[in-house]
Amino acid sequence: MAGGLPSAIANRLRDAGLRPTRQRVALGMLLFGGEDRHVSAEILHAEALMAGEQVSLATVYNTLHQFTGAGLLRELAIDGGKAYFDTNTSNHSHFFIESEGELMDIPGDSIRVAGVPEPPEGMRVSHIDVVVRLVPKGK
């Protein structure tokens, strides 16, 4: 990993209002050190352990939710209890490959949603989540 990456991640966390603890920086490097990606807490936990970080699954969950609350991640609930976290926080939709449990971005302007009801007084729509589920042809 690049020498400047830990300090860049620490600055990003500070800018989002989070204290850059060692574990937050380590998890941030895994999340934000490359291209946009979709991860579950379990995937990130396994990656952290493989990278030599001694971090509990509970800490990974807490950190992912802190990052989401700070606007650094977007949480996507798939199949009820399964949550994925997206490093691309822009308003976009997803393909979900059911057999792989894998999410892929759909460009933001590829899907149009019509008929969205007017939100209640004092509320606004922040974004609309669209997940297009994919299975192999013939199934």
Protein backbone atom coordinates (compact mmCIF):
# COMPACT_ATOMS: atom_id res chain seq x y z
CA MET A 1 0.00 0.00 0.00
CA ALA A 2 1.16 3.49 -0.75
CA GLY A 3 2.94 5.32 2.07
CA GLY A 4 0.56 8.28 1.90
CA LEU A 5 -2.61 6.20 1.98
CA PRO A 6 -2.93 5.92 5.79
CA SER A 7 -2.65 9.69 6.23
CA ALA A 8 -5.09 10.29 3.34
CA ILE A 9 -7.58 7.91 4.97
CA ALA A 10 -7.04 9.57 8.37
CA ASN A 11 -7.74 12.98 6.78
CA ARG A 12 -10.85 11.63 5.08
CA LEU A 13 -12.12 10.32 8.42
CA ARG A 14 -11.39 13.64 10.15
CA ASP A 15 -13.17 15.53 7.38
CA ALA A 16 -16.21 13.28 7.96
CA GLY A 17 -16.14 14.05 11.70
CA LEU A 18 -14.65 10.72 12.80
CA ARG A 19 -11.58 10.21 14.96
CA PRO A 20 -9.02 8.26 12.90
CA THR A 21 -8.34 5.35 15.25
CA ARG A 22 -5.90 2.65 14.15
CA GLN A 23 -8.73 0.22 13.40
CA ARG A 24 -10.81 2.81 11.48
CA VAL A 25 -7.78 3.73 9.36
CA ALA A 26 -6.98 0.06 8.72
CA LEU A 27 -10.56 -0.70 7.66
CA GLY A 28 -10.70 2.55 5.68
CA MET A 29 -7.61 1.52 3.76
CA LEU A 30 -9.29 -1.75 2.79
CA LEU A 31 -12.48 0.06 1.78
CA PHE A 32 -11.16 3.22 0.13
CA GLY A 33 -7.69 2.19 -1.03
CA GLY A 34 -8.76 1.29 -4.57
CA GLU A 35 -11.82 1.28 -6.78
CA ASP A 36 -15.40 1.54 -5.53
CA ARG A 37 -16.66 -1.70 -4.09
CA HIS A 38 -19.49 -3.47 -2.29
CA VAL A 39 -18.69 -5.40 0.88
CA SER A 40 -20.49 -7.14 3.70
CA ALA A 41 -19.16 -6.94 7.25
CA GLU A 42 -18.10 -10.57 6.97
CA ILE A 43 -16.11 -9.95 3.78
CA LEU A 44 -14.37 -6.90 5.27
CA HIS A 45 -13.65 -8.79 8.50
CA ALA A 46 -12.00 -11.64 6.55
CA GLU A 47 -9.94 -9.14 4.53
CA ALA A 48 -8.83 -7.38 7.71
CA LEU A 49 -7.72 -10.64 9.30
CA MET A 50 -5.83 -11.60 6.11
CA ALA A 51 -4.09 -8.20 6.27
CA GLY A 52 -2.98 -8.96 9.83
CA GLU A 53 -5.46 -6.67 11.60
CA GLN A 54 -6.75 -8.12 14.86
CA VAL A 55 -10.29 -6.77 14.75
CA SER A 56 -13.56 -8.34 15.87
CA LEU A 57 -16.57 -8.77 13.61
CA ALA A 58 -18.52 -6.50 16.00
CA THR A 59 -15.93 -3.75 15.53
CA VAL A 60 -16.20 -4.13 11.75
CA TYR A 61 -20.00 -3.81 11.96
CA ASN A 62 -19.73 -0.76 14.22
CA THR A 63 -17.16 0.87 11.96
CA LEU A 64 -19.23 0.25 8.82
CA HIS A 65 -22.24 1.85 10.48
CA GLN A 66 -20.14 4.80 11.70
CA PHE A 67 -18.77 5.29 8.17
CA THR A 68 -22.32 5.11 6.81
CA GLY A 69 -23.57 7.65 9.34
CA ALA A 70 -20.72 9.97 8.37
CA GLY A 71 -21.65 9.71 4.67
CA LEU A 72 -18.60 7.69 3.62
CA LEU A 73 -20.59 4.56 2.73
CA ARG A 74 -24.06 3.70 1.53
CA GLU A 75 -25.81 0.72 3.14
CA LEU A 76 -27.90 -1.59 0.97
CA ALA A 77 -30.21 -4.15 2.53
CA ILE A 78 -30.47 -7.24 0.34
CA ASP A 79 -32.65 -10.24 1.20
CA GLY A 80 -33.86 -8.78 4.48
CA GLY A 81 -31.03 -9.25 6.94
CA LYS A 82 -28.07 -9.18 4.54
CA ALA A 83 -26.43 -5.76 4.38
CA TYR A 84 -23.84 -4.63 1.88
CA PHE A 85 -21.89 -1.40 2.09
CA ASP A 86 -21.08 0.59 -1.04
CA THR A 87 -18.11 2.97 -1.22
CA ASN A 88 -19.85 4.77 -4.10
CA THR A 89 -22.32 7.03 -2.28
CA SER A 90 -23.75 8.59 -5.44
CA ASN A 91 -27.38 7.93 -6.35
CA HIS A 92 -27.21 4.79 -8.48
CA SER A 93 -28.85 1.38 -8.77
CA HIS A 94 -27.49 -2.15 -8.64
CA PHE A 95 -27.57 -5.53 -10.28
CA PHE A 96 -27.55 -8.36 -7.73
CA ILE A 97 -26.27 -11.71 -8.97
CA GLU A 98 -28.25 -13.99 -6.69
CA SER A 99 -26.13 -17.13 -7.11
CA GLU A 100 -22.92 -15.22 -6.28
CA GLY A 101 -24.28 -12.78 -3.71
CA GLU A 102 -22.52 -10.08 -5.74
CA LEU A 103 -23.57 -6.49 -6.38
CA MET A 104 -22.64 -4.51 -9.49
CA ASP A 105 -23.30 -0.83 -10.12
CA ILE A 106 -25.78 0.28 -12.75
CA PRO A 107 -24.92 3.75 -14.08
CA GLY A 108 -27.04 6.47 -12.47
CA ASP A 109 -28.89 7.49 -15.62
CA SER A 110 -29.75 3.94 -16.80
CA ILE A 111 -32.91 3.56 -14.71
CA ARG A 112 -35.80 5.98 -14.45
CA VAL A 113 -38.34 5.65 -11.67
CA ALA A 114 -41.78 7.10 -12.38
CA GLY A 115 -44.70 7.60 -10.06
CA VAL A 116 -42.76 8.35 -6.88
CA PRO A 117 -45.33 9.65 -4.40
CA GLU A 118 -44.98 13.07 -2.85
CA PRO A 119 -43.21 12.68 0.52
CA PRO A 120 -44.95 13.72 3.74
CA GLU A 121 -44.76 17.33 4.87
CA GLY A 122 -41.26 18.31 5.96
CA MET A 123 -39.60 15.30 4.28
CA ARG A 124 -37.68 14.87 1.03
CA VAL A 125 -36.58 11.86 -0.98
CA SER A 126 -32.84 11.37 -0.45
CA HIS A 127 -32.49 8.54 -2.98
CA ILE A 128 -34.32 5.55 -4.38
CA ASP A 129 -32.75 2.12 -4.15
CA VAL A 130 -33.35 -0.13 -7.15
CA VAL A 131 -31.88 -3.62 -7.12
CA VAL A 132 -32.24 -5.66 -10.30
CA ARG A 133 -31.83 -9.33 -9.43
CA LEU A 134 -30.06 -11.56 -11.93
CA VAL A 135 -30.10 -15.34 -12.40
CA PRO A 136 -28.55 -17.40 -15.20
CA LYS A 137 -30.74 -17.75 -18.29
CA GLY A 138 -32.84 -20.88 -18.27
CA LYS A 139 -33.50 -20.83 -14.50
